[in-house]
Protein backbone atom coordinates (compact mmCIF):
# COMPACT_ATOMS: atom_id res chain seq x y z
CA MET A 1 -31.65 11.16 33.62
CA ASP A 2 -30.52 12.96 30.57
CA ASN A 3 -29.02 11.39 27.36
CA LYS A 4 -25.44 12.16 28.35
CA THR A 5 -25.67 10.48 31.57
CA VAL A 6 -27.31 7.38 30.01
CA ALA A 7 -24.63 7.22 27.32
CA GLY A 8 -21.94 7.38 30.11
CA ILE A 9 -23.48 4.31 31.63
CA LEU A 10 -23.48 2.43 28.54
CA ASN A 11 -19.87 3.48 27.99
CA GLN A 12 -18.99 2.27 31.49
CA ILE A 13 -20.54 -1.08 30.75
CA ALA A 14 -18.38 -1.34 27.67
CA ASP A 15 -15.31 -0.40 29.68
CA ILE A 16 -15.99 -3.12 32.28
CA LEU A 17 -16.46 -5.68 29.52
CA GLU A 18 -13.20 -4.62 27.86
CA ILE A 19 -11.31 -4.73 31.12
CA LYS A 20 -12.51 -8.33 31.57
CA GLN A 21 -11.53 -9.02 27.88
CA GLU A 22 -15.03 -10.19 26.93
CA ASN A 23 -16.61 -10.54 23.49
CA LYS A 24 -15.39 -7.55 21.39
CA PHE A 25 -18.72 -7.43 19.39
CA LYS A 26 -20.59 -7.02 22.67
CA ILE A 27 -18.28 -4.16 23.64
CA ILE A 28 -18.78 -2.46 20.26
CA ALA A 29 -22.59 -2.82 20.53
CA TYR A 30 -22.56 -0.82 23.84
CA ARG A 31 -20.16 1.77 22.52
CA HIS A 32 -22.34 2.16 19.33
CA ALA A 33 -25.52 2.50 21.42
CA ALA A 34 -23.89 5.08 23.66
CA GLN A 35 -22.97 7.16 20.66
CA ILE A 36 -26.70 6.85 19.34
CA ILE A 37 -28.26 7.89 22.70
CA GLU A 38 -25.89 10.81 23.02
CA ASN A 39 -26.75 11.99 19.51
CA LEU A 40 -30.53 11.64 19.81
CA PRO A 41 -32.31 14.79 18.63
CA GLU A 42 -34.80 14.47 21.54
CA ASP A 43 -34.72 13.33 25.09
CA LEU A 44 -34.48 9.49 25.53
CA LYS A 45 -37.45 9.52 27.82
CA THR A 46 -39.61 11.07 24.97
CA THR A 47 -38.28 8.47 22.54
CA ILE A 48 -39.33 5.68 24.89
CA GLN A 49 -42.73 7.19 25.63
CA LYS A 50 -43.36 7.44 21.86
CA GLY A 51 -42.56 3.67 21.52
CA LYS A 52 -39.73 4.39 19.06
CA LEU A 53 -36.74 3.04 20.99
CA ARG A 54 -36.64 -0.40 19.37
CA GLU A 55 -37.07 1.33 15.88
CA ILE A 56 -33.63 2.80 16.24
CA GLY A 57 -30.95 0.79 14.34
CA GLY A 58 -28.02 -0.42 16.44
CA ILE A 59 -29.92 -0.93 19.70
CA GLY A 60 -30.70 -4.53 20.61
CA GLU A 61 -33.19 -5.98 22.86
CA VAL A 62 -30.88 -6.37 26.08
CA ILE A 63 -29.70 -2.74 25.62
CA ALA A 64 -33.10 -1.47 25.02
CA SER A 65 -34.52 -3.20 28.15
CA CYS A 66 -31.58 -1.60 30.06
CA LEU A 67 -32.47 1.82 28.82
CA GLU A 68 -36.07 1.54 29.57
CA GLU A 69 -35.25 0.46 33.14
CA LEU A 70 -32.75 3.37 33.53
CA ILE A 71 -35.35 5.89 32.36
CA LYS A 72 -38.12 4.44 34.57
CA THR A 73 -36.14 3.77 37.84
CA ASN A 74 -32.67 5.44 37.48
CA VAL A 75 -31.03 2.03 37.87
CA CYS A 76 -30.48 -1.02 35.67
CA LYS A 77 -30.03 -4.50 37.17
CA HIS A 78 -27.60 -5.60 34.37
CA TRP A 79 -25.52 -2.41 35.13
CA GLU A 80 -25.56 -2.90 38.91
CA LYS A 81 -24.60 -6.58 38.39
CA ILE A 82 -21.74 -5.85 36.03
CA LYS A 83 -20.30 -3.15 38.19
CA LYS A 84 -19.83 -5.64 41.03
CA GLN A 85 -17.60 -7.91 38.82
CA ILE A 86 -14.74 -5.30 38.91
CA PRO A 87 -13.50 -3.53 42.01
CA ARG A 88 -14.28 0.23 42.07
CA GLY A 89 -10.65 1.17 42.26
CA VAL A 90 -10.09 -0.58 38.84
CA LEU A 91 -12.73 1.62 37.23
CA ASN A 92 -11.09 4.70 38.86
CA LEU A 93 -7.83 4.00 36.96
CA LEU A 94 -9.80 4.94 33.80
CA ASN A 95 -9.57 8.62 34.96
CA LEU A 96 -5.88 8.61 34.31
CA SER A 97 -4.61 10.15 31.12
CA GLY A 98 -3.39 7.64 28.56
CA LEU A 99 -4.99 4.63 30.25
CA GLY A 100 -7.92 3.01 28.53
CA PRO A 101 -9.84 -0.18 29.43
CA ARG A 102 -7.24 -2.47 27.64
CA LYS A 103 -4.33 -1.15 29.66
CA VAL A 104 -6.28 -1.05 32.89
CA GLY A 105 -7.45 -4.59 32.20
CA PHE A 106 -3.88 -5.75 31.73
CA PHE A 107 -2.62 -4.28 34.98
CA TYR A 108 -5.49 -5.90 36.84
CA GLN A 109 -5.24 -9.30 35.19
CA LYS A 110 -1.37 -9.51 35.22
CA PHE A 111 -0.50 -7.52 38.46
CA ASP A 112 -3.83 -7.28 40.50
CA ILE A 113 -3.73 -3.63 40.32
CA ASP A 114 -6.97 -2.10 41.71
CA SER A 115 -5.93 1.27 43.05
CA MET A 116 -3.78 4.35 42.29
CA PRO A 117 -1.30 3.57 44.98
CA LYS A 118 -0.73 0.03 43.66
CA LEU A 119 -0.27 1.37 40.11
CA LYS A 120 2.15 4.03 41.33
CA LYS A 121 4.16 1.41 43.25
CA LEU A 122 4.25 -0.90 40.10
CA ALA A 123 5.58 1.96 37.88
CA LYS A 124 8.26 2.78 40.37
CA SER A 125 9.31 -0.86 40.72
CA HIS A 126 10.37 -1.04 37.17
CA ARG A 127 8.72 -4.46 36.85
CA LEU A 128 7.01 -3.21 33.66
CA LEU A 129 10.36 -2.95 32.03
CA LYS A 130 10.47 -6.77 31.84
CA ILE A 131 7.25 -6.84 29.79
CA LYS A 132 7.45 -6.53 25.97
CA GLY A 133 5.99 -3.15 24.86
CA TRP A 134 6.65 -1.43 27.99
CA GLY A 135 9.61 0.92 28.50
CA GLU A 136 10.97 3.73 30.84
CA LYS A 137 8.96 6.29 29.06
CA SER A 138 5.84 4.33 29.70
CA GLU A 139 6.54 4.30 33.46
CA LYS A 140 7.13 8.02 33.41
CA ASN A 141 3.79 8.53 31.57
CA ILE A 142 1.89 6.53 34.17
CA LEU A 143 3.45 8.44 37.02
CA ARG A 144 2.76 11.79 35.44
CA ALA A 145 -0.85 10.85 34.85
CA ILE A 146 -1.20 9.87 38.49
CA GLU A 147 0.43 13.16 39.43
CA MET A 148 -1.99 15.08 37.32
CA TYR A 149 -4.97 13.21 38.79
CA GLU A 150 -3.86 13.84 42.37
CA GLN A 151 -3.24 17.59 41.70
CA ASN A 152 -6.65 18.08 40.21
CA GLN A 153 -8.73 16.06 42.80
CA GLY A 154 -11.49 18.15 44.12
CA ARG A 155 -11.41 20.68 41.33
CA PHE A 156 -14.00 20.74 38.53
CA LEU A 157 -13.82 22.09 34.99
CA LEU A 158 -15.40 25.48 34.63
CA GLY A 159 -17.47 24.42 31.64
CA GLU A 160 -18.94 21.47 33.75
CA ILE A 161 -19.84 23.77 36.67
CA TYR A 162 -21.14 26.84 34.78
CA PRO A 163 -24.60 25.52 33.82
CA LEU A 164 -24.99 24.05 37.38
CA ALA A 165 -24.09 27.48 38.95
CA GLN A 166 -26.54 29.34 36.68
CA THR A 167 -29.38 26.98 37.61
CA ILE A 168 -28.65 27.75 41.31
CA VAL A 169 -28.72 31.43 40.69
CA GLU A 170 -32.07 31.12 38.67
CA LYS A 171 -33.65 29.21 41.51
CA LEU A 172 -32.50 31.69 44.04
CA LYS A 173 -33.81 34.50 42.03
CA LYS A 174 -37.32 33.09 42.62
CA ILE A 175 -37.04 34.06 46.27
CA LYS A 176 -38.50 37.53 46.64
CA SER A 177 -36.63 38.15 49.91
CA ILE A 178 -33.30 37.88 48.11
CA ASN A 179 -32.09 41.19 46.61
CA GLN A 180 -28.64 40.59 45.20
CA ILE A 181 -26.89 37.52 44.10
CA GLU A 182 -23.25 36.91 42.81
CA ILE A 183 -21.12 33.83 42.52
CA CYS A 184 -17.56 34.79 43.77
CA GLY A 185 -14.23 32.97 43.98
CA SER A 186 -12.38 31.36 41.11
CA PHE A 187 -15.82 31.00 39.33
CA ARG A 188 -16.10 34.82 39.00
CA ARG A 189 -12.47 35.21 38.01
CA TRP A 190 -13.16 32.56 35.24
CA LYS A 191 -10.48 30.21 36.34
CA GLU A 192 -10.31 27.15 34.18
CA THR A 193 -10.98 24.77 37.14
CA VAL A 194 -13.16 25.61 40.20
CA GLY A 195 -12.75 24.09 43.86
CA ASP A 196 -16.21 25.20 45.10
CA LEU A 197 -18.91 27.67 44.68
CA ASP A 198 -19.11 30.80 46.80
CA ILE A 199 -22.46 32.35 46.57
CA LEU A 200 -22.97 35.76 48.03
CA ILE A 201 -26.49 37.20 48.66
CA THR A 202 -28.35 39.95 50.46
CA SER A 203 -31.78 39.15 51.80
CA LYS A 204 -34.63 40.65 53.85
CA ASN A 205 -35.18 37.12 55.34
CA PRO A 206 -31.88 35.22 55.67
CA VAL A 207 -33.52 32.27 57.36
CA GLU A 208 -35.84 31.77 54.36
CA ALA A 209 -33.08 32.14 51.91
CA THR A 210 -30.68 29.66 53.70
CA ASN A 211 -33.45 27.18 54.20
CA PHE A 212 -34.47 27.33 50.53
CA PHE A 213 -30.79 26.89 49.47
CA THR A 214 -30.01 23.86 51.67
CA THR A 215 -33.31 22.13 50.43
CA LEU A 216 -32.57 22.51 46.61
CA ASP A 217 -33.01 19.33 44.73
CA LEU A 218 -29.38 19.69 43.66
CA VAL A 219 -28.17 19.17 47.20
CA LYS A 220 -26.73 15.84 48.33
CA LYS A 221 -25.63 16.75 51.75
CA ILE A 222 -25.93 19.62 54.31
CA ILE A 223 -22.74 20.44 56.27
CA VAL A 224 -23.75 23.73 57.84
CA CYS A 225 -27.10 25.60 57.92
CA GLY A 226 -27.19 29.03 59.68
CA PRO A 227 -28.65 32.50 59.24
CA THR A 228 -25.53 33.94 57.68
CA LYS A 229 -23.63 30.90 56.21
CA SER A 230 -24.69 27.62 54.81
CA GLN A 231 -22.56 24.88 53.12
CA VAL A 232 -23.71 21.97 51.21
CA VAL A 233 -22.36 19.20 49.00
CA LEU A 234 -24.08 19.19 45.69
CA LYS A 235 -25.04 15.78 43.85
CA ASN A 236 -22.00 16.16 41.53
CA GLY A 237 -19.76 16.35 44.44
CA ILE A 238 -18.77 20.09 44.49
CA LYS A 239 -19.22 22.07 47.68
CA ALA A 240 -21.18 25.18 47.56
CA ASP A 241 -21.40 27.97 50.23
CA LEU A 242 -24.09 30.48 50.60
CA ARG A 243 -23.21 33.71 52.64
CA VAL A 244 -25.76 36.27 53.55
CA VAL A 245 -24.39 39.80 54.09
CA SER A 246 -25.90 43.17 54.72
CA GLN A 247 -26.65 45.55 51.96
CA ASN A 248 -24.02 48.03 53.00
CA SER A 249 -21.33 45.40 53.16
CA PHE A 250 -22.21 43.65 49.80
CA GLY A 251 -19.51 45.27 47.75
CA ALA A 252 -16.69 44.69 50.10
CA ALA A 253 -17.76 41.15 50.56
CA LEU A 254 -17.85 40.67 46.83
CA HIS A 255 -14.32 41.84 46.45
CA TYR A 256 -13.11 39.88 49.34
CA PHE A 257 -14.66 36.55 48.30
CA THR A 258 -13.73 36.95 44.61
CA GLY A 259 -10.06 37.07 45.42
CA SER A 260 -7.54 36.15 44.48
CA LYS A 261 -5.82 35.83 47.82
CA ASN A 262 -2.69 37.54 46.68
CA HIS A 263 -4.66 40.35 44.87
CA ASN A 264 -6.56 40.99 48.13
CA ILE A 265 -3.24 41.20 50.14
CA GLN A 266 -1.94 43.89 47.76
CA ILE A 267 -5.13 45.84 48.10
CA ARG A 268 -4.92 45.75 51.87
CA LYS A 269 -1.31 46.78 51.75
CA LEU A 270 -2.46 49.86 49.79
CA ALA A 271 -5.09 50.47 52.47
CA LEU A 272 -2.71 50.34 55.33
CA GLY A 273 -0.57 53.00 53.57
CA LYS A 274 -3.67 55.27 53.66
CA LYS A 275 -4.47 54.31 57.31
CA LEU A 276 -7.49 52.42 56.13
CA LYS A 277 -8.80 48.84 56.93
CA ILE A 278 -10.49 46.76 54.30
CA ASN A 279 -12.21 43.44 54.94
CA GLU A 280 -15.29 41.54 53.90
CA TYR A 281 -17.41 43.99 55.99
CA GLY A 282 -16.46 47.19 54.47
CA VAL A 283 -13.97 50.02 54.14
CA PHE A 284 -12.87 51.62 57.47
CA LYS A 285 -10.99 54.82 58.32
CA LYS A 286 -9.05 55.30 61.52
CA ASN A 287 -10.43 57.99 63.72
CA GLY A 288 -8.49 58.02 67.00
CA LYS A 289 -8.48 54.54 68.45
CA LYS A 290 -11.60 53.49 66.50
CA PHE A 291 -12.28 52.64 62.76
CA ILE A 292 -15.26 54.27 61.18
CA LYS A 293 -16.92 52.64 58.06
CA ILE A 294 -16.70 54.74 54.98
CA GLY A 295 -17.61 52.36 52.27
CA GLY A 296 -18.41 48.86 51.23
CA GLU A 297 -21.95 48.84 49.69
CA LYS A 298 -20.54 48.82 46.19
CA GLU A 299 -17.38 46.87 44.96
CA LYS A 300 -16.07 50.06 43.48
CA ASP A 301 -15.81 51.60 46.95
CA VAL A 302 -12.95 49.19 47.73
CA PHE A 303 -10.92 50.39 44.84
CA GLN A 304 -11.69 54.11 45.08
CA ALA A 305 -10.53 53.94 48.70
CA VAL A 306 -7.07 52.96 47.65
CA GLY A 307 -7.00 55.32 44.65
CA LEU A 308 -7.60 52.75 41.88
CA PRO A 309 -10.28 52.22 39.16
CA TRP A 310 -12.35 49.21 39.29
CA ILE A 311 -10.37 46.09 38.12
CA PRO A 312 -12.19 43.38 36.15
CA PRO A 313 -12.42 40.01 38.17
CA GLU A 314 -10.55 38.21 35.42
CA LEU A 315 -7.34 40.23 36.05
CA ARG A 316 -7.25 39.99 39.87
CA GLU A 317 -4.46 37.41 40.05
CA ASP A 318 -1.65 39.80 41.33
CA SER A 319 0.03 39.64 37.94
CA GLY A 320 0.51 43.34 37.33
CA GLU A 321 -2.99 44.50 37.34
CA ILE A 322 -2.66 46.82 40.34
CA LYS A 323 0.41 48.66 38.87
CA ALA A 324 -1.41 48.89 35.51
CA ALA A 325 -4.43 50.39 37.39
CA GLN A 326 -2.12 52.92 39.11
CA ASP A 327 -0.55 53.82 35.81
CA LYS A 328 -3.99 54.06 34.23
CA SER A 329 -2.92 51.38 31.75
CA LEU A 330 -5.50 48.72 32.33
CA PRO A 331 -6.65 47.20 28.98
CA ASN A 332 -9.98 47.77 27.57
CA LEU A 333 -10.84 44.13 27.69
CA ILE A 334 -12.54 42.33 24.80
CA SER A 335 -16.16 41.19 25.62
CA LEU A 336 -18.51 38.58 24.20
CA ASN A 337 -20.53 41.15 22.31
CA ASP A 338 -17.35 42.02 20.36
CA ILE A 339 -17.24 38.67 18.53
CA GLN A 340 -18.31 39.03 14.90
CA GLY A 341 -17.88 35.50 13.65
CA ASP A 342 -16.96 31.82 14.64
CA CYS A 343 -14.46 30.42 12.29
CA HIS A 344 -13.82 26.89 13.63
CA LEU A 345 -17.09 24.84 13.15
CA HIS A 346 -17.69 21.10 12.36
CA THR A 347 -20.59 19.52 10.59
CA ASN A 348 -21.65 15.89 9.88
CA TRP A 349 -19.12 16.01 6.94
CA SER A 350 -16.70 15.06 9.59
CA ASP A 351 -17.34 14.34 13.31
CA GLY A 352 -19.92 17.06 13.92
CA LYS A 353 -23.66 16.31 14.69
CA ASN A 354 -25.47 18.82 12.48
CA ASN A 355 -25.60 19.49 8.90
CA ILE A 356 -24.15 22.62 7.20
CA LEU A 357 -27.48 24.43 7.07
CA GLU A 358 -28.34 23.81 10.66
CA THR A 359 -24.87 25.13 11.58
CA ILE A 360 -25.35 28.30 9.59
CA THR A 361 -28.73 28.83 10.97
CA MET A 362 -27.37 28.77 14.57
CA ALA A 363 -24.67 31.16 13.73
CA GLN A 364 -27.38 33.46 12.37
CA LYS A 365 -29.34 33.22 15.60
CA LYS A 366 -26.08 34.22 17.45
CA GLY A 367 -26.02 37.39 15.35
CA TYR A 368 -22.66 36.57 13.61
CA LYS A 369 -21.65 38.51 10.51
CA TYR A 370 -19.46 35.69 9.08
CA ILE A 371 -18.48 32.05 9.86
CA ALA A 372 -16.25 29.44 8.53
CA ILE A 373 -17.37 25.75 8.07
CA THR A 374 -14.04 23.84 8.99
CA ASP A 375 -14.45 20.12 8.86
CA HIS A 376 -11.63 17.87 9.62
CA ALA A 377 -9.22 16.60 7.00
CA SER A 378 -7.52 13.74 8.73
CA PRO A 379 -6.53 10.16 8.36
CA LEU A 380 -7.95 9.46 11.98
CA VAL A 381 -11.04 7.31 11.66
CA VAL A 382 -12.66 8.78 14.70
CA THR A 383 -12.90 12.29 12.95
CA ASN A 384 -14.41 10.79 9.80
CA GLY A 385 -12.11 13.29 8.06
CA LEU A 386 -12.08 14.45 4.50
CA ASN A 387 -9.72 12.98 2.01
CA ASN A 388 -8.74 14.48 -1.28
CA GLN A 389 -11.92 13.27 -3.08
CA ARG A 390 -14.35 14.11 -0.34
CA ALA A 391 -12.81 17.46 0.20
CA LEU A 392 -13.68 18.44 -3.35
CA LYS A 393 -17.33 17.47 -2.80
CA TYR A 394 -17.32 19.26 0.54
CA ILE A 395 -16.24 22.51 -0.98
CA ARG A 396 -19.10 22.30 -3.67
CA ALA A 397 -21.61 21.44 -1.02
CA ILE A 398 -20.81 24.53 1.05
CA LYS A 399 -20.73 26.78 -1.95
CA ALA A 400 -24.12 25.55 -3.13
CA ILE A 401 -25.76 26.13 0.33
CA ARG A 402 -24.18 29.58 0.63
CA LYS A 403 -25.82 30.80 -2.53
CA LYS A 404 -29.22 30.27 -0.89
CA VAL A 405 -28.29 31.94 2.46
CA LYS A 406 -28.49 35.66 2.83
CA GLY A 407 -27.33 37.96 5.65
CA ILE A 408 -24.16 36.14 6.72
CA LYS A 409 -20.90 35.53 5.10
CA ILE A 410 -20.10 31.81 4.87
CA LEU A 411 -16.47 30.80 4.23
CA VAL A 412 -15.28 27.38 2.94
CA GLY A 413 -12.73 26.18 5.40
CA VAL A 414 -11.02 23.08 6.75
CA GLU A 415 -9.21 21.92 9.76
CA VAL A 416 -6.23 20.03 8.36
CA ASP A 417 -4.06 17.67 10.23
CA ILE A 418 -0.33 18.58 10.73
CA LYS A 419 1.59 15.36 10.09
CA LYS A 420 4.64 14.33 12.09
CA ASN A 421 7.01 15.93 9.70
CA GLY A 422 4.97 19.19 9.54
CA ASP A 423 3.40 18.60 6.25
CA LEU A 424 -0.33 18.95 6.03
CA TYR A 425 -2.73 15.99 5.37
CA LEU A 426 -4.30 17.77 2.18
CA PRO A 427 -2.14 18.88 -0.76
CA ASN A 428 -1.82 22.54 -1.49
CA LYS A 429 -3.83 22.20 -4.75
CA ILE A 430 -6.84 21.49 -2.56
CA LEU A 431 -5.98 23.91 0.24
CA GLU A 432 -5.72 26.83 -2.32
CA GLN A 433 -9.56 26.29 -3.07
CA MET A 434 -10.34 26.98 0.54
CA ASP A 435 -11.17 30.51 1.96
CA LEU A 436 -9.80 29.68 5.30
CA VAL A 437 -7.34 26.98 6.37
CA ILE A 438 -6.82 25.88 10.06
CA ALA A 439 -3.93 23.61 10.83
CA SER A 440 -3.70 21.51 13.96
CA ILE A 441 -2.05 18.37 15.66
CA HIS A 442 -4.31 15.55 16.47
CA SER A 443 -1.87 12.68 16.79
CA GLY A 444 1.81 12.07 17.81
CA PHE A 445 1.57 14.17 20.84
CA LYS A 446 4.66 12.75 22.61
CA MET A 447 7.32 15.10 21.29
CA ASP A 448 10.28 16.97 22.61
CA ARG A 449 10.43 20.71 22.54
CA GLN A 450 12.44 21.06 19.41
CA THR A 451 10.36 18.48 17.44
CA ALA A 452 7.08 20.09 18.48
CA THR A 453 8.33 23.63 17.65
CA GLN A 454 9.56 22.68 14.19
CA ARG A 455 6.39 20.77 13.43
CA LEU A 456 4.24 23.81 14.05
CA ILE A 457 6.76 26.22 12.44
CA LYS A 458 6.55 24.20 9.25
CA ALA A 459 2.81 24.25 9.20
CA ILE A 460 2.83 28.06 9.81
CA GLU A 461 5.11 28.43 6.81
CA ASN A 462 2.62 26.75 4.53
CA PRO A 463 1.37 29.65 2.16
CA TYR A 464 -2.33 28.61 2.66
CA VAL A 465 -2.50 28.27 6.47
CA ASN A 466 -4.38 30.99 8.27
CA ILE A 467 -4.90 29.71 11.90
CA ILE A 468 -3.10 27.29 14.15
CA ALA A 469 -5.76 25.56 16.31
CA HIS A 470 -5.36 24.56 19.98
CA PRO A 471 -1.56 25.16 19.53
CA THR A 472 -0.34 23.07 22.44
CA GLY A 473 -2.78 20.27 22.33
CA ARG A 474 -3.62 20.21 26.06
CA ILE A 475 -6.68 18.70 27.49
CA ILE A 476 -7.31 20.13 31.04
CA ASN A 477 -6.83 17.65 33.95
CA GLU A 478 -6.06 14.93 31.25
CA ARG A 479 -3.17 15.77 29.06
CA ASP A 480 -0.36 18.20 29.28
CA GLY A 481 0.29 20.36 26.16
CA TYR A 482 3.32 19.39 24.27
CA PRO A 483 6.44 21.52 24.93
CA VAL A 484 7.01 24.28 22.45
CA ASP A 485 9.32 27.36 22.13
CA PHE A 486 6.59 29.84 22.32
CA ASP A 487 8.63 32.82 21.37
CA LYS A 488 9.73 31.11 18.14
CA ILE A 489 6.07 30.10 17.38
CA SER A 490 5.06 33.62 18.00
CA GLU A 491 7.69 35.12 15.88
CA LYS A 492 6.87 32.88 12.98
CA ALA A 493 3.15 33.41 13.27
CA LYS A 494 3.56 37.18 13.26
CA LYS A 495 5.83 37.14 10.27
CA SER A 496 3.66 34.78 8.35
CA LYS A 497 0.35 36.60 9.22
CA VAL A 498 -1.04 33.47 10.91
CA ALA A 499 -3.41 33.71 13.87
CA LEU A 500 -3.06 31.58 16.88
CA GLU A 501 -6.20 30.14 18.25
CA ILE A 502 -7.88 30.42 21.69
CA ASN A 503 -9.87 27.21 21.58
CA ALA A 504 -12.99 28.04 23.59
CA HIS A 505 -13.99 24.29 24.32
CA TRP A 506 -13.88 24.26 28.17
CA GLN A 507 -11.84 21.07 28.03
CA ARG A 508 -9.10 22.66 26.04
CA LEU A 509 -9.00 26.48 26.48
CA ASP A 510 -5.82 26.30 24.57
CA LEU A 511 -3.93 28.78 24.42
CA ASP A 512 -4.21 29.43 28.18
CA ALA A 513 -4.27 32.85 29.66
CA ASN A 514 -0.53 33.12 30.30
CA GLN A 515 0.22 32.05 26.71
CA VAL A 516 -2.30 34.55 25.46
CA ARG A 517 -0.71 37.34 27.41
CA LEU A 518 2.73 36.43 25.99
CA ALA A 519 1.35 36.20 22.41
CA LYS A 520 -0.03 39.69 22.79
CA GLU A 521 3.27 40.96 24.11
CA ASN A 522 4.89 39.42 20.99
CA GLY A 523 2.49 41.16 18.70
CA VAL A 524 0.59 37.99 17.45
CA LYS A 525 -2.97 38.19 16.34
CA MET A 526 -5.35 35.65 17.86
CA ILE A 527 -8.81 34.26 17.13
CA ILE A 528 -11.35 32.86 19.48
CA SER A 529 -13.17 29.89 18.19
CA SER A 530 -15.86 27.62 19.73
CA ASP A 531 -14.71 24.48 17.81
CA ALA A 532 -18.37 23.58 17.92
CA HIS A 533 -19.14 20.02 16.95
CA ASN A 534 -23.03 20.64 17.42
CA VAL A 535 -25.15 23.76 17.50
CA ASN A 536 -25.24 23.79 21.29
CA SER A 537 -21.53 24.12 21.51
CA PHE A 538 -21.63 27.61 19.98
CA GLU A 539 -22.13 28.54 23.64
CA SER A 540 -18.55 27.69 24.49
CA MET A 541 -17.52 31.02 22.96
CA LYS A 542 -17.95 32.66 26.40
CA PHE A 543 -15.14 30.61 27.82
CA GLY A 544 -12.75 31.62 25.13
CA VAL A 545 -13.59 35.17 25.64
CA ALA A 546 -12.93 34.76 29.34
CA VAL A 547 -9.49 33.26 28.58
CA ALA A 548 -8.81 36.29 26.38
CA ARG A 549 -9.73 38.68 29.07
CA LYS A 550 -7.57 36.83 31.63
CA GLY A 551 -4.78 37.21 29.03
CA TRP A 552 -5.29 41.03 28.88
CA LEU A 553 -6.57 41.03 25.23
CA GLU A 554 -8.49 43.97 23.66
CA LYS A 555 -10.51 43.83 20.51
CA ASN A 556 -7.71 44.76 18.06
CA ASN A 557 -5.73 41.71 19.26
CA VAL A 558 -8.53 39.26 18.09
CA ILE A 559 -9.24 39.03 14.38
CA ASN A 560 -12.79 37.73 14.64
CA THR A 561 -13.85 40.95 16.43
CA TRP A 562 -12.96 42.84 13.21
CA PRO A 563 -15.47 43.92 10.52
CA LEU A 564 -15.80 41.39 7.63
CA LYS A 565 -13.64 43.51 5.29
CA ASN A 566 -10.71 43.68 7.81
CA PHE A 567 -11.03 39.97 8.70
CA LEU A 568 -10.98 39.01 5.10
CA ASN A 569 -8.02 41.17 4.31
CA PHE A 570 -6.09 39.37 7.18
CA ILE A 571 -6.82 35.81 5.91
CA LYS A 572 -6.09 36.80 2.24
CA LYS A 573 -2.96 35.00 1.15
């Protein structure tokens, strides 16, 4: 049981206590302990084995005993006992965007709401309108949150599934009889959410391969186990299929199972026009009344058969990629290796976990030529944001450290909040001392289209702003982005030489691929940022690059693929 899982259990205990309206200090204690455990520099098991758990400030005897029991047995009697005090359906309501333990507790105590259907019925009944503090907008927000939850049931965030998928691949690679392995479907197309995992292999011993797959320690339940296809449910709830195909069909199967469905339909239409048949088994040419196999070992065989160059998986959404291929106008897509620097990074000066030097060291390990440290400047307590006085100390601290570090350009930056009226939280006299200024919205999300657009435009017009971060504010599966007139935002950003961010954190991926493509068409420059709050989060960059590729971006569209001199010229105000 890793630290994140343990922290989640402590937070669930705090949620239940808050739903029951118990002692607020006890709730705070569990929340604080969860934060400590999640931020531990080592595995909790190691800390306990060293006998140092009780030396950690903020963890009392009751919580410490629970943690020891969890690590030793994977259960905790206190946790099991407290879970029984609240119906499971009540806890499930916490999955709804905008509903915290306090509101869920209110619904449960006041209306006996212990399920999604009951909450939906309550919101539609207008009984909430009789309660002070609740209005028609609140009802609409609840119904929208339920709708989002229902739409995304059975789909998992790509960033959650990615490490699990890589683990499965690494385990399968240890089987000598397996020759080729690819994960297909929406995973290979880098969709932001994944419904299941489609794993394609070739093997000299299919029975050995499928038996190994179905007995992995990650498997919760076996649905089907056969020599050519097996299906399991993994412990996190996602289904995974393993398909074994022959070597000479691997390329055709890879194309077929990668999809998308509409892309495949268009390819098959082209094949029919050439009197060919394309399916998961290969490429076939009609010869009299029979079809003779003419290709399928390599994926490029499928495209060559219909007169097309190979199309990257990210583009296979039937959104113009086939016509572009026919016209020889497919973009030369950006790659992860093109990224020269990461310019949205947080340290422990705000809500990051690592100090400035640790963050710089990780950037050097990534091979970056330049970075910007951009801690929050915000009135929100949760961000531990910089105010005017701390911002000046922060600037001095970064400048002092960068004098000692060679081989990488370190920029003094800040992520400053955009206030409701479009002004920035820090005054220009401080912003002008920064090398790079990111502006973003972290509060007041419930805006109409005009208000949201004007709020962002005013920030873009600030002479010191270089980047607008996560421009729509969406959280995938949790919160819709605020509505904006994207054409107006793009026009103003282009005119003001302000880059729009593709935030690579897998819960945001904001801008999304459609907006990225529109921004490209509007001539706006973009930047891909990890928004890392700890050194491990640098790895999120690959998800941002994937969004850029799905949005048809090339190197010249993304300013942090540029050499340092060009990058500095762009951000110079």
